[in-house]
Each structure stands twice: as structure tokens, then as C-alpha cells.
Amino acid sequence: MNYINADAILPEELLREIQRHIPGGLVYIPKPKEAHKKWGEKSGSRAVVKERNERIRRLFAAGVTVHELTERFFLSIDSIKKIVYSKK
């Protein structure tokens, strides 16, 4: 996070109003809520994991065993069970 002198970017009236509340203090200004993304949305990892999990569920429904799925997808038995028995 970079610090920017408020004097350089804020209008004078706004700066004076902020100084009334926090004279000489530091203020953190968060991003708008719309700017926050969930894990993996930016890189595409979230979509890849979702597709993989859907594929695992389809294979399990088609009769592939949990043990075979662990070997095919390199996941633990517990991970496969969480995927196939979840209500998604």
C-alpha cells in the first residue's frame, strides 16, 4: 500500500473537513465493495476448480469409485468425499 499526501489529491474543502475529524492522523480508504473479488476469480482458478468438481461428481454418479477418483485427480479420499457428497 502506498501513502499519498492528501494535500496533493483531495479538494481543499474535503481536506479541511477530514482534518477536523483527524488532524494530522493517518486514514485508510478501502476499495469499494464491488472491487473485491473472491478467491480465484481474477486468475480463473475458481472456474477451473468448479469444473473439476463437477466432473468428479459426474464420474462418481456414473459409477467410478472414490478410490479411482483419488488416483485420477490426485486428491485425498476426504477431499473426494467432500466433493461428491456435498449438496451443490
N, C-alpha and C. Protein backbone atom coordinates (compact mmCIF):
# COMPACT_ATOMS: atom_id res chain seq x y z
N MET A 1 0.85 -1.16 0.00
CA MET A 1 0.00 0.00 0.00
C MET A 1 0.90 1.24 0.00
N ASN A 2 0.59 2.14 -0.87
CA ASN A 2 1.37 3.38 -0.97
C ASN A 2 0.64 4.51 -0.26
N TYR A 3 1.42 5.36 0.38
CA TYR A 3 0.86 6.53 1.01
C TYR A 3 0.92 7.70 0.04
N ILE A 4 -0.16 8.44 -0.02
CA ILE A 4 -0.22 9.62 -0.88
C ILE A 4 -0.62 10.80 0.00
N ASN A 5 0.04 11.91 -0.18
CA ASN A 5 -0.29 13.10 0.59
C ASN A 5 -1.66 13.59 0.14
N ALA A 6 -2.60 13.64 1.08
CA ALA A 6 -3.97 14.06 0.77
C ALA A 6 -3.99 15.46 0.18
N ASP A 7 -3.03 16.28 0.56
CA ASP A 7 -2.91 17.64 0.04
C ASP A 7 -2.80 17.65 -1.48
N ALA A 8 -2.20 16.60 -2.02
CA ALA A 8 -1.95 16.55 -3.46
C ALA A 8 -3.15 16.05 -4.26
N ILE A 9 -4.09 15.34 -3.62
CA ILE A 9 -5.16 14.74 -4.42
C ILE A 9 -6.59 15.15 -4.03
N LEU A 10 -6.78 15.62 -2.81
CA LEU A 10 -8.15 15.95 -2.38
C LEU A 10 -8.45 17.43 -2.55
N PRO A 11 -9.70 17.73 -2.84
CA PRO A 11 -10.09 19.14 -2.90
C PRO A 11 -9.91 19.79 -1.52
N GLU A 12 -9.61 21.06 -1.52
CA GLU A 12 -9.29 21.77 -0.28
C GLU A 12 -10.41 21.66 0.76
N GLU A 13 -11.67 21.77 0.32
CA GLU A 13 -12.79 21.70 1.26
C GLU A 13 -12.87 20.31 1.93
N LEU A 14 -12.68 19.27 1.13
CA LEU A 14 -12.73 17.92 1.67
C LEU A 14 -11.57 17.69 2.64
N LEU A 15 -10.40 18.17 2.29
CA LEU A 15 -9.22 18.03 3.14
C LEU A 15 -9.46 18.71 4.49
N ARG A 16 -10.02 19.91 4.47
CA ARG A 16 -10.30 20.62 5.73
C ARG A 16 -11.32 19.85 6.59
N GLU A 17 -12.32 19.27 5.94
CA GLU A 17 -13.33 18.50 6.68
C GLU A 17 -12.71 17.27 7.33
N ILE A 18 -11.84 16.59 6.61
CA ILE A 18 -11.16 15.41 7.18
C ILE A 18 -10.24 15.85 8.32
N GLN A 19 -9.56 16.97 8.16
CA GLN A 19 -8.65 17.46 9.20
C GLN A 19 -9.42 17.83 10.48
N ARG A 20 -10.68 18.20 10.33
CA ARG A 20 -11.49 18.49 11.53
C ARG A 20 -11.67 17.23 12.37
N HIS A 21 -11.80 16.08 11.71
CA HIS A 21 -12.04 14.83 12.41
C HIS A 21 -10.74 14.13 12.84
N ILE A 22 -9.72 14.22 12.00
CA ILE A 22 -8.46 13.53 12.28
C ILE A 22 -7.31 14.47 11.92
N PRO A 23 -7.00 15.42 12.77
CA PRO A 23 -5.91 16.35 12.45
C PRO A 23 -4.55 15.66 12.50
N GLY A 24 -3.88 15.60 11.38
CA GLY A 24 -2.54 15.03 11.32
C GLY A 24 -2.49 13.51 11.41
N GLY A 25 -3.65 12.84 11.40
CA GLY A 25 -3.66 11.39 11.53
C GLY A 25 -3.59 10.69 10.18
N LEU A 26 -3.51 9.36 10.23
CA LEU A 26 -3.50 8.55 9.02
C LEU A 26 -4.88 7.96 8.82
N VAL A 27 -5.32 7.94 7.58
CA VAL A 27 -6.64 7.42 7.25
C VAL A 27 -6.48 6.36 6.16
N TYR A 28 -7.09 5.19 6.38
CA TYR A 28 -7.09 4.15 5.36
C TYR A 28 -8.40 4.26 4.59
N ILE A 29 -8.31 4.31 3.28
CA ILE A 29 -9.51 4.38 2.45
C ILE A 29 -9.62 3.05 1.70
N PRO A 30 -10.60 2.22 2.08
CA PRO A 30 -10.73 0.90 1.45
C PRO A 30 -11.30 1.01 0.04
N LYS A 31 -11.10 -0.07 -0.72
CA LYS A 31 -11.69 -0.15 -2.05
C LYS A 31 -13.20 -0.28 -1.90
N PRO A 32 -13.95 0.12 -2.92
CA PRO A 32 -15.40 -0.11 -2.87
C PRO A 32 -15.68 -1.61 -2.82
N LYS A 33 -16.80 -1.99 -2.23
CA LYS A 33 -17.15 -3.42 -2.09
C LYS A 33 -17.17 -4.11 -3.45
N GLU A 34 -17.60 -3.42 -4.51
CA GLU A 34 -17.67 -4.02 -5.84
C GLU A 34 -16.28 -4.39 -6.36
N ALA A 35 -15.24 -3.76 -5.86
CA ALA A 35 -13.88 -4.00 -6.34
C ALA A 35 -13.27 -5.28 -5.77
N HIS A 36 -13.84 -5.79 -4.69
CA HIS A 36 -13.31 -7.00 -4.08
C HIS A 36 -13.77 -8.22 -4.85
N LYS A 37 -12.85 -9.11 -5.14
CA LYS A 37 -13.18 -10.34 -5.84
C LYS A 37 -12.92 -11.52 -4.92
N LYS A 38 -13.67 -12.58 -5.13
CA LYS A 38 -13.47 -13.78 -4.34
C LYS A 38 -12.22 -14.49 -4.81
N TRP A 39 -11.77 -15.45 -3.98
CA TRP A 39 -10.59 -16.22 -4.30
C TRP A 39 -10.73 -16.84 -5.68
N GLY A 40 -9.70 -16.69 -6.51
CA GLY A 40 -9.63 -17.36 -7.80
C GLY A 40 -10.41 -16.73 -8.93
N GLU A 41 -11.18 -15.68 -8.66
CA GLU A 41 -11.97 -15.06 -9.74
C GLU A 41 -11.08 -14.33 -10.74
N LYS A 42 -10.07 -13.68 -10.26
CA LYS A 42 -9.20 -12.90 -11.13
C LYS A 42 -8.34 -13.81 -12.01
N SER A 43 -7.80 -14.87 -11.42
CA SER A 43 -6.89 -15.76 -12.14
C SER A 43 -7.61 -16.84 -12.94
N GLY A 44 -8.87 -17.09 -12.60
CA GLY A 44 -9.61 -18.15 -13.27
C GLY A 44 -9.54 -19.49 -12.54
N SER A 45 -8.82 -19.54 -11.43
CA SER A 45 -8.68 -20.78 -10.67
C SER A 45 -10.02 -21.27 -10.13
N ARG A 46 -10.87 -20.34 -9.75
CA ARG A 46 -12.17 -20.70 -9.20
C ARG A 46 -12.98 -21.49 -10.23
N ALA A 47 -12.97 -21.04 -11.47
CA ALA A 47 -13.71 -21.72 -12.54
C ALA A 47 -13.12 -23.10 -12.84
N VAL A 48 -11.80 -23.19 -12.80
CA VAL A 48 -11.13 -24.48 -13.06
C VAL A 48 -11.50 -25.49 -11.98
N VAL A 49 -11.48 -25.08 -10.72
CA VAL A 49 -11.82 -25.98 -9.61
C VAL A 49 -13.30 -26.38 -9.69
N LYS A 50 -14.16 -25.43 -10.04
CA LYS A 50 -15.59 -25.73 -10.16
C LYS A 50 -15.84 -26.78 -11.24
N GLU A 51 -15.21 -26.62 -12.39
CA GLU A 51 -15.36 -27.59 -13.48
C GLU A 51 -14.80 -28.96 -13.09
N ARG A 52 -13.65 -28.96 -12.41
CA ARG A 52 -13.07 -30.22 -11.96
C ARG A 52 -14.01 -30.94 -11.01
N ASN A 53 -14.60 -30.20 -10.06
CA ASN A 53 -15.51 -30.80 -9.09
C ASN A 53 -16.77 -31.33 -9.76
N GLU A 54 -17.28 -30.61 -10.74
CA GLU A 54 -18.45 -31.09 -11.49
C GLU A 54 -18.12 -32.38 -12.22
N ARG A 55 -16.94 -32.44 -12.79
CA ARG A 55 -16.50 -33.66 -13.50
C ARG A 55 -16.39 -34.84 -12.52
N ILE A 56 -15.84 -34.57 -11.34
CA ILE A 56 -15.73 -35.61 -10.32
C ILE A 56 -17.12 -36.12 -9.94
N ARG A 57 -18.09 -35.21 -9.75
CA ARG A 57 -19.45 -35.61 -9.39
C ARG A 57 -20.09 -36.47 -10.49
N ARG A 58 -19.89 -36.06 -11.76
CA ARG A 58 -20.45 -36.83 -12.88
C ARG A 58 -19.86 -38.23 -12.93
N LEU A 59 -18.54 -38.33 -12.77
CA LEU A 59 -17.89 -39.64 -12.81
C LEU A 59 -18.37 -40.53 -11.65
N PHE A 60 -18.51 -39.93 -10.48
CA PHE A 60 -18.98 -40.69 -9.32
C PHE A 60 -20.40 -41.20 -9.56
N ALA A 61 -21.25 -40.33 -10.12
CA ALA A 61 -22.63 -40.72 -10.42
C ALA A 61 -22.67 -41.83 -11.47
N ALA A 62 -21.64 -41.87 -12.34
CA ALA A 62 -21.57 -42.90 -13.38
C ALA A 62 -20.98 -44.21 -12.87
N GLY A 63 -20.58 -44.23 -11.58
CA GLY A 63 -20.12 -45.48 -11.00
C GLY A 63 -18.63 -45.58 -10.71
N VAL A 64 -17.87 -44.54 -10.97
CA VAL A 64 -16.45 -44.56 -10.65
C VAL A 64 -16.30 -44.48 -9.14
N THR A 65 -15.45 -45.31 -8.56
CA THR A 65 -15.30 -45.36 -7.10
C THR A 65 -14.48 -44.17 -6.58
N VAL A 66 -14.63 -43.92 -5.29
CA VAL A 66 -13.87 -42.85 -4.63
C VAL A 66 -12.38 -43.11 -4.77
N HIS A 67 -11.97 -44.35 -4.60
CA HIS A 67 -10.54 -44.69 -4.71
C HIS A 67 -10.02 -44.39 -6.12
N GLU A 68 -10.78 -44.74 -7.14
CA GLU A 68 -10.36 -44.45 -8.52
C GLU A 68 -10.27 -42.94 -8.77
N LEU A 69 -11.20 -42.20 -8.19
CA LEU A 69 -11.19 -40.74 -8.34
C LEU A 69 -9.98 -40.12 -7.65
N THR A 70 -9.58 -40.66 -6.49
CA THR A 70 -8.40 -40.12 -5.80
C THR A 70 -7.16 -40.30 -6.66
N GLU A 71 -7.06 -41.44 -7.33
CA GLU A 71 -5.89 -41.69 -8.19
C GLU A 71 -5.93 -40.85 -9.45
N ARG A 72 -7.11 -40.67 -10.01
CA ARG A 72 -7.24 -39.93 -11.26
C ARG A 72 -7.01 -38.42 -11.06
N PHE A 73 -7.48 -37.87 -9.94
CA PHE A 73 -7.41 -36.42 -9.73
C PHE A 73 -6.35 -36.01 -8.70
N PHE A 74 -5.62 -36.98 -8.16
CA PHE A 74 -4.54 -36.70 -7.20
C PHE A 74 -5.04 -35.92 -5.98
N LEU A 75 -6.19 -36.33 -5.47
CA LEU A 75 -6.77 -35.72 -4.27
C LEU A 75 -6.90 -36.79 -3.19
N SER A 76 -7.01 -36.36 -1.95
CA SER A 76 -7.18 -37.31 -0.85
C SER A 76 -8.60 -37.89 -0.89
N ILE A 77 -8.76 -39.00 -0.19
CA ILE A 77 -10.09 -39.62 -0.09
C ILE A 77 -11.08 -38.65 0.54
N ASP A 78 -10.65 -37.96 1.59
CA ASP A 78 -11.54 -36.99 2.25
C ASP A 78 -11.96 -35.87 1.31
N SER A 79 -11.03 -35.39 0.48
CA SER A 79 -11.36 -34.33 -0.47
C SER A 79 -12.39 -34.80 -1.49
N ILE A 80 -12.20 -36.00 -2.01
CA ILE A 80 -13.15 -36.55 -2.98
C ILE A 80 -14.52 -36.72 -2.33
N LYS A 81 -14.54 -37.24 -1.10
CA LYS A 81 -15.81 -37.42 -0.41
C LYS A 81 -16.54 -36.10 -0.20
N LYS A 82 -15.80 -35.06 0.17
CA LYS A 82 -16.42 -33.74 0.36
C LYS A 82 -17.05 -33.25 -0.93
N ILE A 83 -16.38 -33.52 -2.04
CA ILE A 83 -16.89 -33.07 -3.34
C ILE A 83 -18.14 -33.86 -3.74
N VAL A 84 -18.08 -35.18 -3.67
CA VAL A 84 -19.18 -35.99 -4.18
C VAL A 84 -20.39 -36.01 -3.24
N TYR A 85 -20.19 -35.79 -1.96
CA TYR A 85 -21.31 -35.83 -1.03
C TYR A 85 -21.84 -34.44 -0.65
N SER A 86 -21.25 -33.38 -1.21
CA SER A 86 -21.74 -32.03 -0.91
C SER A 86 -23.04 -31.79 -1.68
N LYS A 87 -23.85 -30.86 -1.21
CA LYS A 87 -25.15 -30.60 -1.83
C LYS A 87 -25.06 -29.42 -2.80
N LYS A 88 -24.24 -29.54 -3.82
CA LYS A 88 -24.10 -28.46 -4.80
C LYS A 88 -24.61 -28.91 -6.13
